[in-house]
Amino acid sequence: MNETELTLEELIQENKQLLENNSALKKGNSKAVKKFKLEQSLKPYQAELIKMQKYLEETGKRMVILFEGRDASGKGGTIRRVTRYMNEKHYRIVALGKPTEEQKTQWFFQKYINHLPAGGEVVLFDRSWYNRAMVEPVFGFCSDQEYKNFMKGVTGYEKDLVRQGTILVKLYFSVTREEQARRFERRKTDPLRQWKLSEVDVQAQERWDDFTNVKYEMLKKTHTSSAPWTIIRSNSKHEARLNAMKTILNSVPYERLNPDLDFIPDSNVVYSGAHEIEIMEAQRLREGKFVT
């Protein structure tokens, strides 16, 4: 009998909570409502991405999108929004782990070439060959000579990809040190996000300046006319996702589903790689070191 009474009390409490949540939803002032509205605002662009994908299928064109940036900069969340409604038969998300012993003996780009798209496909790299320019040198996962060889060879590799018809989009998500720290702290306390926190993440804040230095070298040497970098300021996850979608859509000459939609990236969120280099060099002159 007591068990039945307890169950009834729980049901009453649960119903009370549901009523309170419903009241908050009606008022439109809850966090859930705000999040819902932000997700809804992405849908017109997600529809455009389906139309873009259809164009790639019909023309047999290949597309590669690189998602780079510091840990917790919003790459994964953006990839999920970009691909949410796309035809899963014609896109792939590639997130490679540590190289195998066999891969360590191969030409560095070989493991990535195996994942490049066929005609009509989009491949999204959640981190890419630029691991060799960012993560590996900072943590000593590659030798100085391996790093130098990569920096000399990557521009030719990308130029050849583009010359042979691959649409290559290189996105770098730029988050501030303070925002990265806040996101790491949330990962520590949120059981749904704890799996995201790795040993490398723990050291990311300590090695902030090291990552900034290799970021500058990477942009300086690999931002080219054939394969330029686009910087996405990602302190606001929503703005980063929206503007990344616009950047991707603007890179493909498909017929717009809704030509009245705003496809112009926010200039406060999206920067060219060349402009980011200028900003970083100005910071170094003004403050004696890079900040971004």
Protein backbone atom coordinates (compact mmCIF):
# COMPACT_ATOMS: atom_id res chain seq x y z
CA MET A 1 0.00 0.00 0.00
CA ASN A 2 2.83 2.35 0.92
CA GLU A 3 4.50 1.65 -2.42
CA THR A 4 1.27 2.58 -4.23
CA GLU A 5 0.95 5.81 -2.27
CA LEU A 6 4.57 6.71 -3.02
CA THR A 7 4.01 6.11 -6.70
CA LEU A 8 0.94 8.33 -6.67
CA GLU A 9 2.87 11.09 -4.92
CA GLU A 10 5.61 10.84 -7.52
CA LEU A 11 3.06 11.04 -10.33
CA ILE A 12 1.46 14.11 -8.76
CA GLN A 13 4.86 15.77 -8.39
CA GLU A 14 5.78 14.90 -11.97
CA ASN A 15 2.49 16.30 -13.26
CA LYS A 16 3.10 19.50 -11.28
CA GLN A 17 6.52 19.85 -12.86
CA LEU A 18 5.06 19.32 -16.34
CA LEU A 19 2.48 22.04 -15.72
CA GLU A 20 5.20 24.43 -14.57
CA ASN A 21 7.30 23.65 -17.66
CA ASN A 22 4.29 24.14 -19.90
CA SER A 23 3.58 27.50 -18.28
CA ALA A 24 7.17 28.57 -18.89
CA LEU A 25 6.94 27.48 -22.52
CA LYS A 26 3.77 29.52 -23.02
CA LYS A 27 5.45 32.60 -21.59
CA GLY A 28 8.33 32.05 -23.97
CA ASN A 29 10.96 32.87 -21.36
CA SER A 30 12.50 29.47 -20.72
CA LYS A 31 15.93 28.35 -21.78
CA ALA A 32 14.31 25.49 -23.70
CA VAL A 33 12.23 27.91 -25.78
CA LYS A 34 15.26 30.02 -26.62
CA LYS A 35 17.22 26.95 -27.69
CA PHE A 36 14.26 25.72 -29.75
CA LYS A 37 13.99 29.06 -31.57
CA LEU A 38 17.71 29.11 -32.33
CA GLU A 39 17.55 25.58 -33.76
CA GLN A 40 14.50 26.55 -35.83
CA SER A 41 16.38 29.53 -37.30
CA LEU A 42 18.93 27.11 -38.78
CA LYS A 43 16.35 25.10 -40.69
CA PRO A 44 16.15 27.31 -43.82
CA TYR A 45 19.93 26.88 -44.21
CA GLN A 46 19.72 23.16 -43.52
CA ALA A 47 17.17 22.98 -46.35
CA GLU A 48 19.67 24.81 -48.57
CA LEU A 49 22.33 22.26 -47.64
CA ILE A 50 20.02 19.50 -48.91
CA LYS A 51 19.64 21.42 -52.19
CA MET A 52 23.42 21.90 -52.35
CA GLN A 53 23.95 18.19 -51.78
CA LYS A 54 21.51 17.40 -54.58
CA TYR A 55 23.54 19.61 -56.92
CA LEU A 56 26.71 17.73 -56.03
CA GLU A 57 24.97 14.41 -56.70
CA GLU A 58 23.63 15.56 -60.07
CA THR A 59 26.94 17.04 -61.24
CA GLY A 60 29.20 14.37 -59.75
CA LYS A 61 31.28 17.00 -57.98
CA ARG A 62 33.31 16.18 -54.89
CA MET A 63 33.40 18.26 -51.71
CA VAL A 64 35.71 18.22 -48.68
CA ILE A 65 35.08 20.35 -45.59
CA LEU A 66 37.76 20.61 -42.91
CA PHE A 67 36.72 21.51 -39.37
CA GLU A 68 39.74 22.67 -37.40
CA GLY A 69 40.24 24.62 -34.19
CA ARG A 70 41.11 24.26 -30.54
CA ASP A 71 39.39 21.72 -28.31
CA ALA A 72 35.86 22.79 -27.31
CA SER A 73 35.70 25.35 -30.13
CA GLY A 74 32.38 23.98 -31.45
CA LYS A 75 33.47 21.81 -34.38
CA GLY A 76 31.43 18.73 -33.47
CA GLY A 77 28.20 20.62 -32.77
CA THR A 78 28.47 22.45 -36.08
CA ILE A 79 29.07 19.22 -38.00
CA ARG A 80 25.95 17.72 -36.43
CA ARG A 81 23.83 20.72 -37.49
CA VAL A 82 25.28 20.77 -41.00
CA THR A 83 24.53 17.11 -41.62
CA ARG A 84 21.29 16.78 -39.60
CA TYR A 85 18.93 16.59 -42.62
CA MET A 86 21.36 15.71 -45.39
CA ASN A 87 21.12 12.43 -47.30
CA GLU A 88 23.35 10.12 -45.28
CA LYS A 89 24.06 8.01 -48.35
CA HIS A 90 26.05 10.86 -49.86
CA TYR A 91 28.06 12.29 -46.99
CA ARG A 92 30.60 10.94 -44.52
CA ILE A 93 32.01 12.32 -41.28
CA VAL A 94 35.65 11.35 -40.79
CA ALA A 95 37.28 11.61 -37.36
CA LEU A 96 40.46 9.55 -37.38
CA GLY A 97 42.11 8.29 -34.21
CA LYS A 98 45.76 7.61 -33.51
CA PRO A 99 47.65 6.19 -36.50
CA THR A 100 48.25 2.45 -36.54
CA GLU A 101 51.75 1.04 -36.67
CA GLU A 102 51.26 0.40 -40.38
CA GLN A 103 50.03 3.96 -41.01
CA LYS A 104 53.11 5.34 -39.26
CA THR A 105 55.23 3.78 -42.03
CA GLN A 106 53.08 5.23 -44.84
CA TRP A 107 53.18 8.58 -46.61
CA PHE A 108 51.49 10.95 -44.17
CA PHE A 109 48.56 11.88 -46.44
CA GLN A 110 47.82 8.27 -47.38
CA LYS A 111 45.37 7.59 -44.54
CA TYR A 112 43.42 10.74 -45.45
CA ILE A 113 43.37 10.02 -49.17
CA ASN A 114 41.60 6.75 -48.39
CA HIS A 115 38.68 8.82 -47.04
CA LEU A 116 38.38 11.40 -49.81
CA PRO A 117 34.98 11.63 -51.57
CA ALA A 118 33.84 10.02 -54.79
CA GLY A 119 31.70 12.01 -57.23
CA GLY A 120 28.55 13.39 -55.62
CA GLU A 121 29.87 12.95 -52.07
CA VAL A 122 30.62 15.35 -49.23
CA VAL A 123 33.26 14.37 -46.67
CA LEU A 124 33.48 16.35 -43.44
CA PHE A 125 36.74 15.97 -41.51
CA ASP A 126 36.39 16.48 -37.77
CA ARG A 127 40.07 17.41 -37.55
CA SER A 128 42.09 16.56 -40.60
CA TRP A 129 45.64 16.37 -41.91
CA TYR A 130 46.17 19.66 -40.05
CA ASN A 131 46.65 17.63 -36.88
CA ARG A 132 50.26 17.54 -38.09
CA ALA A 133 50.35 21.36 -38.01
CA MET A 134 48.57 21.89 -34.68
CA VAL A 135 48.17 19.08 -32.14
CA GLU A 136 51.14 16.88 -33.03
CA PRO A 137 53.94 19.46 -32.77
CA VAL A 138 52.54 20.92 -29.53
CA PHE A 139 52.39 17.53 -27.80
CA GLY A 140 55.49 16.07 -29.42
CA PHE A 141 53.56 13.47 -31.42
CA CYS A 142 55.71 14.16 -34.48
CA SER A 143 59.34 15.08 -35.04
CA ASP A 144 60.46 18.54 -36.08
CA GLN A 145 61.40 17.16 -39.49
CA GLU A 146 57.97 15.55 -39.96
CA TYR A 147 56.35 18.88 -39.12
CA LYS A 148 58.55 20.75 -41.61
CA ASN A 149 57.88 18.18 -44.34
CA PHE A 150 54.15 18.57 -43.82
CA MET A 151 54.25 22.36 -43.94
CA LYS A 152 56.22 22.21 -47.20
CA GLY A 153 54.00 19.59 -48.83
CA VAL A 154 50.44 20.40 -47.76
CA THR A 155 49.89 23.37 -50.07
CA GLY A 156 50.82 21.33 -53.14
CA TYR A 157 48.61 18.46 -51.98
CA GLU A 158 45.62 20.80 -51.57
CA LYS A 159 46.31 22.64 -54.82
CA ASP A 160 46.19 19.32 -56.64
CA LEU A 161 42.89 18.38 -54.96
CA VAL A 162 41.32 21.65 -56.07
CA ARG A 163 42.88 21.54 -59.56
CA GLN A 164 41.28 18.17 -60.16
CA GLY A 165 37.81 19.41 -59.23
CA THR A 166 37.39 18.92 -55.47
CA ILE A 167 35.59 21.75 -53.68
CA LEU A 168 37.72 22.31 -50.57
CA VAL A 169 36.44 24.37 -47.64
CA LYS A 170 38.82 24.96 -44.71
CA LEU A 171 37.12 26.22 -41.54
CA TYR A 172 39.03 27.19 -38.39
CA PHE A 173 36.88 27.69 -35.28
CA SER A 174 38.39 30.32 -33.00
CA VAL A 175 37.31 30.39 -29.35
CA THR A 176 38.70 32.60 -26.59
CA ARG A 177 40.71 31.19 -23.72
CA GLU A 178 38.01 32.17 -21.22
CA GLU A 179 35.22 30.51 -23.18
CA GLN A 180 37.26 27.35 -23.68
CA ALA A 181 37.86 27.16 -19.93
CA ARG A 182 34.13 27.61 -19.26
CA ARG A 183 33.26 24.79 -21.67
CA PHE A 184 35.87 22.48 -20.13
CA GLU A 185 34.43 23.17 -16.68
CA ARG A 186 30.97 22.27 -17.92
CA ARG A 187 32.32 19.01 -19.33
CA LYS A 188 33.75 18.13 -15.92
CA THR A 189 30.41 18.56 -14.14
CA ASP A 190 27.92 17.43 -16.81
CA PRO A 191 27.66 13.60 -16.97
CA LEU A 192 26.35 13.85 -20.54
CA ARG A 193 29.48 15.70 -21.63
CA GLN A 194 32.21 14.07 -19.53
CA TRP A 195 33.10 11.68 -22.35
CA LYS A 196 34.30 14.69 -24.37
CA LEU A 197 37.01 15.55 -21.84
CA SER A 198 40.31 13.91 -22.79
CA GLU A 199 43.83 14.13 -21.38
CA VAL A 200 44.74 16.43 -24.27
CA ASP A 201 41.83 18.71 -23.33
CA VAL A 202 43.11 18.99 -19.77
CA GLN A 203 46.42 20.35 -21.05
CA ALA A 204 44.89 22.66 -23.67
CA GLN A 205 44.65 25.64 -21.34
CA GLU A 206 48.21 25.20 -20.08
CA ARG A 207 49.51 25.09 -23.66
CA TRP A 208 47.33 27.93 -24.94
CA ASP A 209 50.26 30.04 -26.17
CA ASP A 210 51.89 27.04 -27.88
CA PHE A 211 48.67 26.39 -29.81
CA THR A 212 48.43 30.07 -30.72
CA ASN A 213 51.95 30.06 -32.12
CA VAL A 214 51.39 26.99 -34.32
CA LYS A 215 48.03 28.40 -35.42
CA TYR A 216 49.81 31.51 -36.72
CA GLU A 217 52.43 29.45 -38.56
CA MET A 218 49.72 27.24 -40.06
CA LEU A 219 47.68 30.19 -41.36
CA LYS A 220 50.76 32.03 -42.58
CA LYS A 221 52.02 29.09 -44.63
CA THR A 222 48.82 27.32 -45.72
CA HIS A 223 46.35 30.13 -46.45
CA THR A 224 46.56 30.13 -50.26
CA SER A 225 44.46 31.44 -53.14
CA SER A 226 43.51 27.90 -54.17
CA ALA A 227 42.79 26.67 -50.63
CA PRO A 228 42.09 29.63 -48.31
CA TRP A 229 41.21 29.45 -44.63
CA THR A 230 37.95 30.86 -43.25
CA ILE A 231 38.01 31.78 -39.56
CA ILE A 232 34.79 31.35 -37.57
CA ARG A 233 34.58 33.16 -34.21
CA SER A 234 32.85 30.52 -32.10
CA ASN A 235 32.25 31.96 -28.63
CA SER A 236 28.59 31.95 -29.64
CA LYS A 237 27.85 28.40 -30.76
CA HIS A 238 24.70 29.41 -32.62
CA GLU A 239 26.39 32.21 -34.58
CA ALA A 240 29.28 29.90 -35.42
CA ARG A 241 26.94 27.21 -36.73
CA LEU A 242 24.84 29.63 -38.76
CA ASN A 243 27.82 31.37 -40.34
CA ALA A 244 29.65 28.13 -41.04
CA MET A 245 26.57 26.99 -42.98
CA LYS A 246 26.54 30.22 -44.97
CA THR A 247 30.24 29.82 -45.77
CA ILE A 248 29.73 26.25 -46.96
CA LEU A 249 26.70 27.17 -49.09
CA ASN A 250 28.55 30.09 -50.69
CA SER A 251 31.34 27.76 -51.83
CA VAL A 252 29.08 25.78 -54.18
CA PRO A 253 27.42 27.26 -57.32
CA TYR A 254 24.06 25.55 -56.86
CA GLU A 255 20.69 27.18 -57.55
CA ARG A 256 19.31 28.59 -54.29
CA LEU A 257 16.21 27.00 -52.86
CA ASN A 258 15.25 30.36 -51.36
CA PRO A 259 17.12 33.23 -53.05
CA ASP A 260 15.62 35.71 -50.56
CA LEU A 261 17.43 34.08 -47.66
CA ASP A 262 20.36 36.03 -46.19
CA PHE A 263 23.54 34.24 -47.32
CA ILE A 264 25.96 36.98 -46.27
CA PRO A 265 28.20 35.87 -43.38
CA ASP A 266 28.36 38.14 -40.33
CA SER A 267 31.59 40.14 -40.59
CA ASN A 268 31.92 40.03 -36.80
CA VAL A 269 31.97 36.24 -36.90
CA VAL A 270 33.64 35.29 -40.19
CA TYR A 271 37.14 36.40 -41.20
CA SER A 272 39.44 35.42 -44.01
CA GLY A 273 42.63 33.64 -43.04
CA ALA A 274 44.59 36.62 -44.38
CA HIS A 275 42.71 39.03 -42.11
CA GLU A 276 43.27 36.76 -39.11
CA ILE A 277 47.01 36.83 -39.82
CA GLU A 278 46.88 40.65 -39.87
CA ILE A 279 44.99 40.71 -36.55
CA MET A 280 47.47 38.36 -34.91
CA GLU A 281 50.49 40.31 -36.18
CA ALA A 282 48.96 43.53 -34.84
CA GLN A 283 48.45 41.84 -31.46
CA ARG A 284 52.08 40.77 -31.38
CA LEU A 285 53.29 44.29 -32.14
CA ARG A 286 50.95 45.85 -29.59
CA GLU A 287 51.20 43.36 -26.72
CA GLY A 288 54.42 41.49 -27.45
CA LYS A 289 52.65 38.19 -28.10
CA PHE A 290 49.70 36.63 -29.90
CA VAL A 291 46.36 36.67 -28.09
CA THR A 292 43.76 35.20 -30.48
